[in-house]
């Protein structure tokens, strides 16, 4: 579990302005630290076809976002306890 995932839940638990502000700033900072190196790594392996690389990455991200909740629902339905 990374730092961003922990901070995402703070505004719901600690409902005051400084905590919400801190958690949002830390969340955006964590995203910026993670996104730039990933994009640089994808771009360095594109061999002139960066559209296909970034499109494939986006497609797999979307597919994972669809399959994850579906699998979770399936497992909780089949294995209720």
PDB file of N, CA and C in Angstrom:
ATOM      1  N   UNK A   1       0.864  -1.174   0.000  1.00  0.00           N
ATOM      2  CA  UNK A   1       0.000   0.000   0.000  1.00  0.00           C
ATOM      3  C   UNK A   1       0.906   1.232   0.000  1.00  0.00           C
ATOM      4  N   UNK A   2       0.677   2.110  -0.933  1.00  0.00           N
ATOM      5  CA  UNK A   2       1.539   3.285  -0.963  1.00  0.00           C
ATOM      6  C   UNK A   2       0.911   4.461  -0.215  1.00  0.00           C
ATOM      7  N   UNK A   3       1.691   5.489  -0.062  1.00  0.00           N
ATOM      8  CA  UNK A   3       1.319   6.655   0.733  1.00  0.00           C
ATOM      9  C   UNK A   3       0.048   7.325   0.214  1.00  0.00           C
ATOM     10  N   UNK A   4      -0.100   7.367  -1.115  1.00  0.00           N
ATOM     11  CA  UNK A   4      -1.286   7.985  -1.711  1.00  0.00           C
ATOM     12  C   UNK A   4      -2.562   7.267  -1.310  1.00  0.00           C
ATOM     13  N   UNK A   5      -2.507   5.942  -1.290  1.00  0.00           N
ATOM     14  CA  UNK A   5      -3.696   5.173  -0.942  1.00  0.00           C
ATOM     15  C   UNK A   5      -4.113   5.432   0.502  1.00  0.00           C
ATOM     16  N   UNK A   6      -3.159   5.607   1.372  1.00  0.00           N
ATOM     17  CA  UNK A   6      -3.485   5.925   2.761  1.00  0.00           C
ATOM     18  C   UNK A   6      -4.127   7.301   2.874  1.00  0.00           C
ATOM     19  N   UNK A   7      -3.585   8.267   2.156  1.00  0.00           N
ATOM     20  CA  UNK A   7      -4.073   9.644   2.270  1.00  0.00           C
ATOM     21  C   UNK A   7      -5.436   9.858   1.609  1.00  0.00           C
ATOM     22  N   UNK A   8      -5.820   9.004   0.679  1.00  0.00           N
ATOM     23  CA  UNK A   8      -7.112   9.168   0.020  1.00  0.00           C
ATOM     24  C   UNK A   8      -8.286   9.057   0.983  1.00  0.00           C
ATOM     25  N   UNK A   9      -8.126   8.343   2.072  1.00  0.00           N
ATOM     26  CA  UNK A   9      -9.222   8.122   3.006  1.00  0.00           C
ATOM     27  C   UNK A   9      -9.276   9.146   4.135  1.00  0.00           C
ATOM     28  N   UNK A  10      -8.271   9.954   4.276  1.00  0.00           N
ATOM     29  CA  UNK A  10      -8.231  10.926   5.375  1.00  0.00           C
ATOM     30  C   UNK A  10      -9.387  11.914   5.378  1.00  0.00           C
ATOM     31  N   UNK A  11      -9.789  12.500   4.235  1.00  0.00           N
ATOM     32  CA  UNK A  11     -10.887  13.480   4.298  1.00  0.00           C
ATOM     33  C   UNK A  11     -12.188  12.894   4.831  1.00  0.00           C
ATOM     34  N   UNK A  12     -12.424  11.621   4.637  1.00  0.00           N
ATOM     35  CA  UNK A  12     -13.625  11.007   5.171  1.00  0.00           C
ATOM     36  C   UNK A  12     -13.529  10.716   6.653  1.00  0.00           C
ATOM     37  N   UNK A  13     -12.313  10.526   7.149  1.00  0.00           N
ATOM     38  CA  UNK A  13     -12.112  10.197   8.564  1.00  0.00           C
ATOM     39  C   UNK A  13     -11.914  11.460   9.399  1.00  0.00           C
ATOM     40  N   UNK A  14     -10.999  12.306   8.961  1.00  0.00           N
ATOM     41  CA  UNK A  14     -10.689  13.553   9.680  1.00  0.00           C
ATOM     42  C   UNK A  14     -11.254  14.712   8.862  1.00  0.00           C
ATOM     43  N   UNK A  15     -12.371  15.241   9.269  1.00  0.00           N
ATOM     44  CA  UNK A  15     -13.059  16.224   8.447  1.00  0.00           C
ATOM     45  C   UNK A  15     -12.771  17.644   8.909  1.00  0.00           C
ATOM     46  N   UNK A  16     -11.533  18.067   8.745  1.00  0.00           N
ATOM     47  CA  UNK A  16     -11.218  19.466   8.986  1.00  0.00           C
ATOM     48  C   UNK A  16     -10.358  19.974   7.831  1.00  0.00           C
ATOM     49  N   UNK A  17     -10.318  21.271   7.665  1.00  0.00           N
ATOM     50  CA  UNK A  17      -9.697  21.886   6.477  1.00  0.00           C
ATOM     51  C   UNK A  17      -8.220  21.541   6.327  1.00  0.00           C
ATOM     52  N   UNK A  18      -7.378  21.657   7.359  1.00  0.00           N
ATOM     53  CA  UNK A  18      -5.955  21.348   7.145  1.00  0.00           C
ATOM     54  C   UNK A  18      -5.710  19.889   6.729  1.00  0.00           C
ATOM     55  N   UNK A  19      -6.462  18.960   7.274  1.00  0.00           N
ATOM     56  CA  UNK A  19      -6.272  17.558   6.905  1.00  0.00           C
ATOM     57  C   UNK A  19      -6.682  17.309   5.459  1.00  0.00           C
ATOM     58  N   UNK A  20      -7.792  17.875   5.046  1.00  0.00           N
ATOM     59  CA  UNK A  20      -8.240  17.712   3.664  1.00  0.00           C
ATOM     60  C   UNK A  20      -7.238  18.359   2.707  1.00  0.00           C
ATOM     61  N   UNK A  21      -6.771  19.546   3.038  1.00  0.00           N
ATOM     62  CA  UNK A  21      -5.790  20.235   2.198  1.00  0.00           C
ATOM     63  C   UNK A  21      -4.507  19.430   2.089  1.00  0.00           C
ATOM     64  N   UNK A  22      -3.998  18.946   3.229  1.00  0.00           N
ATOM     65  CA  UNK A  22      -2.767  18.156   3.224  1.00  0.00           C
ATOM     66  C   UNK A  22      -2.937  16.883   2.401  1.00  0.00           C
ATOM     67  N   UNK A  23      -4.061  16.192   2.582  1.00  0.00           N
ATOM     68  CA  UNK A  23      -4.248  14.933   1.865  1.00  0.00           C
ATOM     69  C   UNK A  23      -4.365  15.155   0.359  1.00  0.00           C
ATOM     70  N   UNK A  24      -5.013  16.227  -0.057  1.00  0.00           N
ATOM     71  CA  UNK A  24      -5.139  16.500  -1.501  1.00  0.00           C
ATOM     72  C   UNK A  24      -3.795  16.895  -2.117  1.00  0.00           C
ATOM     73  N   UNK A  25      -3.027  17.716  -1.417  1.00  0.00           N
ATOM     74  CA  UNK A  25      -1.708  18.109  -1.932  1.00  0.00           C
ATOM     75  C   UNK A  25      -0.791  16.892  -2.016  1.00  0.00           C
ATOM     76  N   UNK A  26      -0.802  16.058  -0.980  1.00  0.00           N
ATOM     77  CA  UNK A  26       0.029  14.850  -0.995  1.00  0.00           C
ATOM     78  C   UNK A  26      -0.422  13.882  -2.090  1.00  0.00           C
ATOM     79  N   UNK A  27      -1.710  13.787  -2.317  1.00  0.00           N
ATOM     80  CA  UNK A  27      -2.248  12.921  -3.361  1.00  0.00           C
ATOM     81  C   UNK A  27      -1.770  13.364  -4.738  1.00  0.00           C
ATOM     82  N   UNK A  28      -1.873  14.635  -5.028  1.00  0.00           N
ATOM     83  CA  UNK A  28      -1.431  15.161  -6.327  1.00  0.00           C
ATOM     84  C   UNK A  28       0.081  15.039  -6.491  1.00  0.00           C
ATOM     85  N   UNK A  29       0.831  15.268  -5.419  1.00  0.00           N
ATOM     86  CA  UNK A  29       2.287  15.136  -5.483  1.00  0.00           C
ATOM     87  C   UNK A  29       2.667  13.689  -5.772  1.00  0.00           C
ATOM     88  N   UNK A  30       2.012  12.751  -5.105  1.00  0.00           N
ATOM     89  CA  UNK A  30       2.292  11.336  -5.340  1.00  0.00           C
ATOM     90  C   UNK A  30       1.984  10.921  -6.761  1.00  0.00           C
ATOM     91  N   UNK A  31       0.923  11.449  -7.313  1.00  0.00           N
ATOM     92  CA  UNK A  31       0.578  11.124  -8.699  1.00  0.00           C
ATOM     93  C   UNK A  31       1.628  11.679  -9.659  1.00  0.00           C
ATOM     94  N   UNK A  32       2.092  12.894  -9.398  1.00  0.00           N
ATOM     95  CA  UNK A  32       3.119  13.495 -10.259  1.00  0.00           C
ATOM     96  C   UNK A  32       4.430  12.745 -10.200  1.00  0.00           C
ATOM     97  N   UNK A  33       4.789  12.253  -9.022  1.00  0.00           N
ATOM     98  CA  UNK A  33       6.035  11.503  -8.865  1.00  0.00           C
ATOM     99  C   UNK A  33       5.949  10.164  -9.590  1.00  0.00           C
ATOM    100  N   UNK A  34       4.781   9.566  -9.626  1.00  0.00           N
ATOM    101  CA  UNK A  34       4.621   8.265 -10.256  1.00  0.00           C
ATOM    102  C   UNK A  34       4.441   8.365 -11.773  1.00  0.00           C
ATOM    103  N   UNK A  35       3.728   9.375 -12.252  1.00  0.00           N
ATOM    104  CA  UNK A  35       3.343   9.440 -13.664  1.00  0.00           C
ATOM    105  C   UNK A  35       4.495   9.784 -14.595  1.00  0.00           C
ATOM    106  N   UNK A  36       5.313  10.756 -14.236  1.00  0.00           N
ATOM    107  CA  UNK A  36       6.391  11.191 -15.135  1.00  0.00           C
ATOM    108  C   UNK A  36       7.399  10.076 -15.434  1.00  0.00           C
ATOM    109  N   UNK A  37       7.899   9.343 -14.434  1.00  0.00           N
ATOM    110  CA  UNK A  37       8.833   8.256 -14.775  1.00  0.00           C
ATOM    111  C   UNK A  37       8.187   7.149 -15.605  1.00  0.00           C
ATOM    112  N   UNK A  38       6.916   6.863 -15.350  1.00  0.00           N
ATOM    113  CA  UNK A  38       6.236   5.837 -16.136  1.00  0.00           C
ATOM    114  C   UNK A  38       6.132   6.268 -17.600  1.00  0.00           C
ATOM    115  N   UNK A  39       5.766   7.517 -17.826  1.00  0.00           N
ATOM    116  CA  UNK A  39       5.661   8.018 -19.198  1.00  0.00           C
ATOM    117  C   UNK A  39       7.019   8.040 -19.889  1.00  0.00           C
ATOM    118  N   UNK A  40       8.065   8.398 -19.148  1.00  0.00           N
ATOM    119  CA  UNK A  40       9.409   8.399 -19.729  1.00  0.00           C
ATOM    120  C   UNK A  40       9.842   6.980 -20.096  1.00  0.00           C
ATOM    121  N   UNK A  41       9.518   6.021 -19.252  1.00  0.00           N
ATOM    122  CA  UNK A  41       9.869   4.633 -19.535  1.00  0.00           C
ATOM    123  C   UNK A  41       9.114   4.118 -20.756  1.00  0.00           C
ATOM    124  N   UNK A  42       7.834   4.420 -20.843  1.00  0.00           N
ATOM    125  CA  UNK A  42       7.060   4.009 -22.022  1.00  0.00           C
ATOM    126  C   UNK A  42       7.582   4.680 -23.283  1.00  0.00           C
ATOM    127  N   UNK A  43       7.908   5.963 -23.194  1.00  0.00           N
ATOM    128  CA  UNK A  43       8.413   6.691 -24.352  1.00  0.00           C
ATOM    129  C   UNK A  43       9.763   6.187 -24.825  1.00  0.00           C
ATOM    130  N   UNK A  44      10.608   5.744 -23.884  1.00  0.00           N
ATOM    131  CA  UNK A  44      11.937   5.272 -24.276  1.00  0.00           C
ATOM    132  C   UNK A  44      11.880   3.934 -25.007  1.00  0.00           C
ATOM    133  N   UNK A  45      10.823   3.177 -24.841  1.00  0.00           N
ATOM    134  CA  UNK A  45      10.690   1.887 -25.513  1.00  0.00           C
ATOM    135  C   UNK A  45       9.730   1.934 -26.698  1.00  0.00           C
ATOM    136  N   UNK A  46       9.352   3.127 -27.131  1.00  0.00           N
ATOM    137  CA  UNK A  46       8.344   3.225 -28.190  1.00  0.00           C
ATOM    138  C   UNK A  46       8.906   3.028 -29.590  1.00  0.00           C
ATOM    139  N   UNK A  47      10.188   3.273 -29.804  1.00  0.00           N
ATOM    140  CA  UNK A  47      10.823   3.124 -31.124  1.00  0.00           C
ATOM    141  C   UNK A  47      10.069   3.872 -32.221  1.00  0.00           C
ATOM    142  N   UNK A  48       9.664   5.098 -31.932  1.00  0.00           N
ATOM    143  CA  UNK A  48       8.997   5.924 -32.918  1.00  0.00           C
ATOM    144  C   UNK A  48       7.504   5.686 -33.044  1.00  0.00           C
ATOM    145  N   UNK A  49       6.965   4.789 -32.267  1.00  0.00           N
ATOM    146  CA  UNK A  49       5.540   4.478 -32.338  1.00  0.00           C
ATOM    147  C   UNK A  49       4.907   4.723 -30.972  1.00  0.00           C
ATOM    148  N   UNK A  50       5.074   5.937 -30.486  1.00  0.00           N
ATOM    149  CA  UNK A  50       4.617   6.231 -29.117  1.00  0.00           C
ATOM    150  C   UNK A  50       3.100   6.204 -28.994  1.00  0.00           C
ATOM    151  N   UNK A  51       2.378   6.492 -30.067  1.00  0.00           N
ATOM    152  CA  UNK A  51       0.915   6.458 -30.008  1.00  0.00           C
ATOM    153  C   UNK A  51       0.395   5.072 -29.679  1.00  0.00           C
ATOM    154  N   UNK A  52       0.998   4.066 -30.276  1.00  0.00           N
ATOM    155  CA  UNK A  52       0.570   2.692 -30.016  1.00  0.00           C
ATOM    156  C   UNK A  52       0.911   2.277 -28.591  1.00  0.00           C
ATOM    157  N   UNK A  53       2.071   2.682 -28.114  1.00  0.00           N
ATOM    158  CA  UNK A  53       2.494   2.315 -26.759  1.00  0.00           C
ATOM    159  C   UNK A  53       1.576   2.948 -25.724  1.00  0.00           C
ATOM    160  N   UNK A  54       1.349   4.245 -25.845  1.00  0.00           N
ATOM    161  CA  UNK A  54       0.502   4.920 -24.869  1.00  0.00           C
ATOM    162  C   UNK A  54      -0.966   4.490 -25.010  1.00  0.00           C
ATOM    163  N   UNK A  55      -1.406   4.191 -26.222  1.00  0.00           N
ATOM    164  CA  UNK A  55      -2.759   3.689 -26.428  1.00  0.00           C
ATOM    165  C   UNK A  55      -2.948   2.319 -25.799  1.00  0.00           C
ATOM    166  N   UNK A  56      -1.949   1.457 -25.951  1.00  0.00           N
ATOM    167  CA  UNK A  56      -2.013   0.127 -25.338  1.00  0.00           C
ATOM    168  C   UNK A  56      -2.035   0.251 -23.817  1.00  0.00           C
ATOM    169  N   UNK A  57      -1.203   1.136 -23.281  1.00  0.00           N
ATOM    170  CA  UNK A  57      -1.175   1.348 -21.827  1.00  0.00           C
ATOM    171  C   UNK A  57      -2.532   1.833 -21.324  1.00  0.00           C
ATOM    172  N   UNK A  58      -3.103   2.774 -22.029  1.00  0.00           N
ATOM    173  CA  UNK A  58      -4.412   3.301 -21.634  1.00  0.00           C
ATOM    174  C   UNK A  58      -5.502   2.223 -21.738  1.00  0.00           C
ATOM    175  N   UNK A  59      -5.432   1.432 -22.788  1.00  0.00           N
ATOM    176  CA  UNK A  59      -6.408   0.352 -22.958  1.00  0.00           C
ATOM    177  C   UNK A  59      -6.318  -0.693 -21.859  1.00  0.00           C
ATOM    178  N   UNK A  60      -5.101  -1.073 -21.488  1.00  0.00           N
ATOM    179  CA  UNK A  60      -4.928  -2.053 -20.417  1.00  0.00           C
ATOM    180  C   UNK A  60      -5.355  -1.479 -19.071  1.00  0.00           C
ATOM    181  N   UNK A  61      -5.127  -0.193 -18.875  1.00  0.00           N
ATOM    182  CA  UNK A  61      -5.565   0.465 -17.644  1.00  0.00           C
ATOM    183  C   UNK A  61      -7.094   0.442 -17.554  1.00  0.00           C
ATOM    184  N   UNK A  62      -7.762   0.742 -18.648  1.00  0.00           N
ATOM    185  CA  UNK A  62      -9.219   0.730 -18.686  1.00  0.00           C
ATOM    186  C   UNK A  62      -9.757  -0.691 -18.518  1.00  0.00           C
ATOM    187  N   UNK A  63      -9.111  -1.651 -19.151  1.00  0.00           N
ATOM    188  CA  UNK A  63      -9.531  -3.048 -19.024  1.00  0.00           C
ATOM    189  C   UNK A  63      -9.400  -3.516 -17.570  1.00  0.00           C
ATOM    190  N   UNK A  64      -8.311  -3.157 -16.923  1.00  0.00           N
ATOM    191  CA  UNK A  64      -8.131  -3.518 -15.522  1.00  0.00           C
ATOM    192  C   UNK A  64      -9.162  -2.864 -14.624  1.00  0.00           C
ATOM    193  N   UNK A  65      -9.537  -1.632 -14.960  1.00  0.00           N
ATOM    194  CA  UNK A  65     -10.554  -0.934 -14.175  1.00  0.00           C
ATOM    195  C   UNK A  65     -11.921  -1.594 -14.340  1.00  0.00           C
ATOM    196  N   UNK A  66     -12.160  -2.251 -15.462  1.00  0.00           N
ATOM    197  CA  UNK A  66     -13.433  -2.942 -15.672  1.00  0.00           C
ATOM    198  C   UNK A  66     -13.411  -4.351 -15.092  1.00  0.00           C
ATOM    199  N   UNK A  67     -12.305  -5.053 -15.256  1.00  0.00           N
ATOM    200  CA  UNK A  67     -12.219  -6.437 -14.800  1.00  0.00           C
ATOM    201  C   UNK A  67     -12.096  -6.519 -13.279  1.00  0.00           C
ATOM    202  N   UNK A  68     -11.391  -5.589 -12.662  1.00  0.00           N
ATOM    203  CA  UNK A  68     -11.184  -5.633 -11.219  1.00  0.00           C
ATOM    204  C   UNK A  68     -12.474  -5.661 -10.416  1.00  0.00           C
ATOM    205  N   UNK A  69     -13.359  -4.681 -10.579  1.00  0.00           N
ATOM    206  CA  UNK A  69     -14.620  -4.716  -9.836  1.00  0.00           C
ATOM    207  C   UNK A  69     -15.510  -5.903 -10.214  1.00  0.00           C
ATOM    208  N   UNK A  70     -15.471  -6.301 -11.477  1.00  0.00           N
ATOM    209  CA  UNK A  70     -16.272  -7.450 -11.904  1.00  0.00           C
ATOM    210  C   UNK A  70     -15.786  -8.726 -11.214  1.00  0.00           C
ATOM    211  N   UNK A  71     -14.472  -8.916 -11.166  1.00  0.00           N
ATOM    212  CA  UNK A  71     -13.912 -10.083 -10.480  1.00  0.00           C
ATOM    213  C   UNK A  71     -14.202 -10.022  -8.988  1.00  0.00           C
ATOM    214  N   UNK A  72     -14.094  -8.853  -8.411  1.00  0.00           N
ATOM    215  CA  UNK A  72     -14.385  -8.696  -6.990  1.00  0.00           C
ATOM    216  C   UNK A  72     -15.837  -9.049  -6.685  1.00  0.00           C
ATOM    217  N   UNK A  73     -16.752  -8.572  -7.506  1.00  0.00           N
ATOM    218  CA  UNK A  73     -18.164  -8.896  -7.330  1.00  0.00           C
ATOM    219  C   UNK A  73     -18.391 -10.404  -7.474  1.00  0.00           C
ATOM    220  N   UNK A  74     -17.744 -10.992  -8.465  1.00  0.00           N
ATOM    221  CA  UNK A  74     -17.888 -12.430  -8.674  1.00  0.00           C
ATOM    222  C   UNK A  74     -17.375 -13.247  -7.494  1.00  0.00           C
ATOM    223  N   UNK A  75     -16.218 -12.872  -6.974  1.00  0.00           N
ATOM    224  CA  UNK A  75     -15.660 -13.602  -5.832  1.00  0.00           C
ATOM    225  C   UNK A  75     -16.516 -13.440  -4.585  1.00  0.00           C
ATOM    226  N   UNK A  76     -17.017 -12.241  -4.344  1.00  0.00           N
ATOM    227  CA  UNK A  76     -17.843 -12.045  -3.152  1.00  0.00           C
ATOM    228  C   UNK A  76     -19.208 -12.717  -3.294  1.00  0.00           C
ATOM    229  N   UNK A  77     -19.676 -12.893  -4.517  1.00  0.00           N
ATOM    230  CA  UNK A  77     -20.930 -13.616  -4.730  1.00  0.00           C
ATOM    231  C   UNK A  77     -20.741 -15.121  -4.544  1.00  0.00           C
ATOM    232  N   UNK A  78     -19.662 -15.633  -5.082  1.00  0.00           N
ATOM    233  CA  UNK A  78     -19.403 -17.068  -5.007  1.00  0.00           C
ATOM    234  C   UNK A  78     -18.911 -17.498  -3.629  1.00  0.00           C
ATOM    235  N   UNK A  79     -18.139 -16.652  -2.982  1.00  0.00           N
ATOM    236  CA  UNK A  79     -17.553 -16.967  -1.674  1.00  0.00           C
ATOM    237  C   UNK A  79     -18.028 -15.947  -0.649  1.00  0.00           C
ATOM    238  N   UNK A  80     -19.260 -16.047  -0.170  1.00  0.00           N
ATOM    239  CA  UNK A  80     -19.807 -14.994   0.681  1.00  0.00           C
ATOM    240  C   UNK A  80     -19.148 -14.857   2.049  1.00  0.00           C
ATOM    241  N   UNK A  81     -18.452 -15.887   2.503  1.00  0.00           N
ATOM    242  CA  UNK A  81     -17.845 -15.776   3.832  1.00  0.00           C
ATOM    243  C   UNK A  81     -16.360 -15.699   3.748  1.00  0.00           C
TER     244      UNK A  81
END
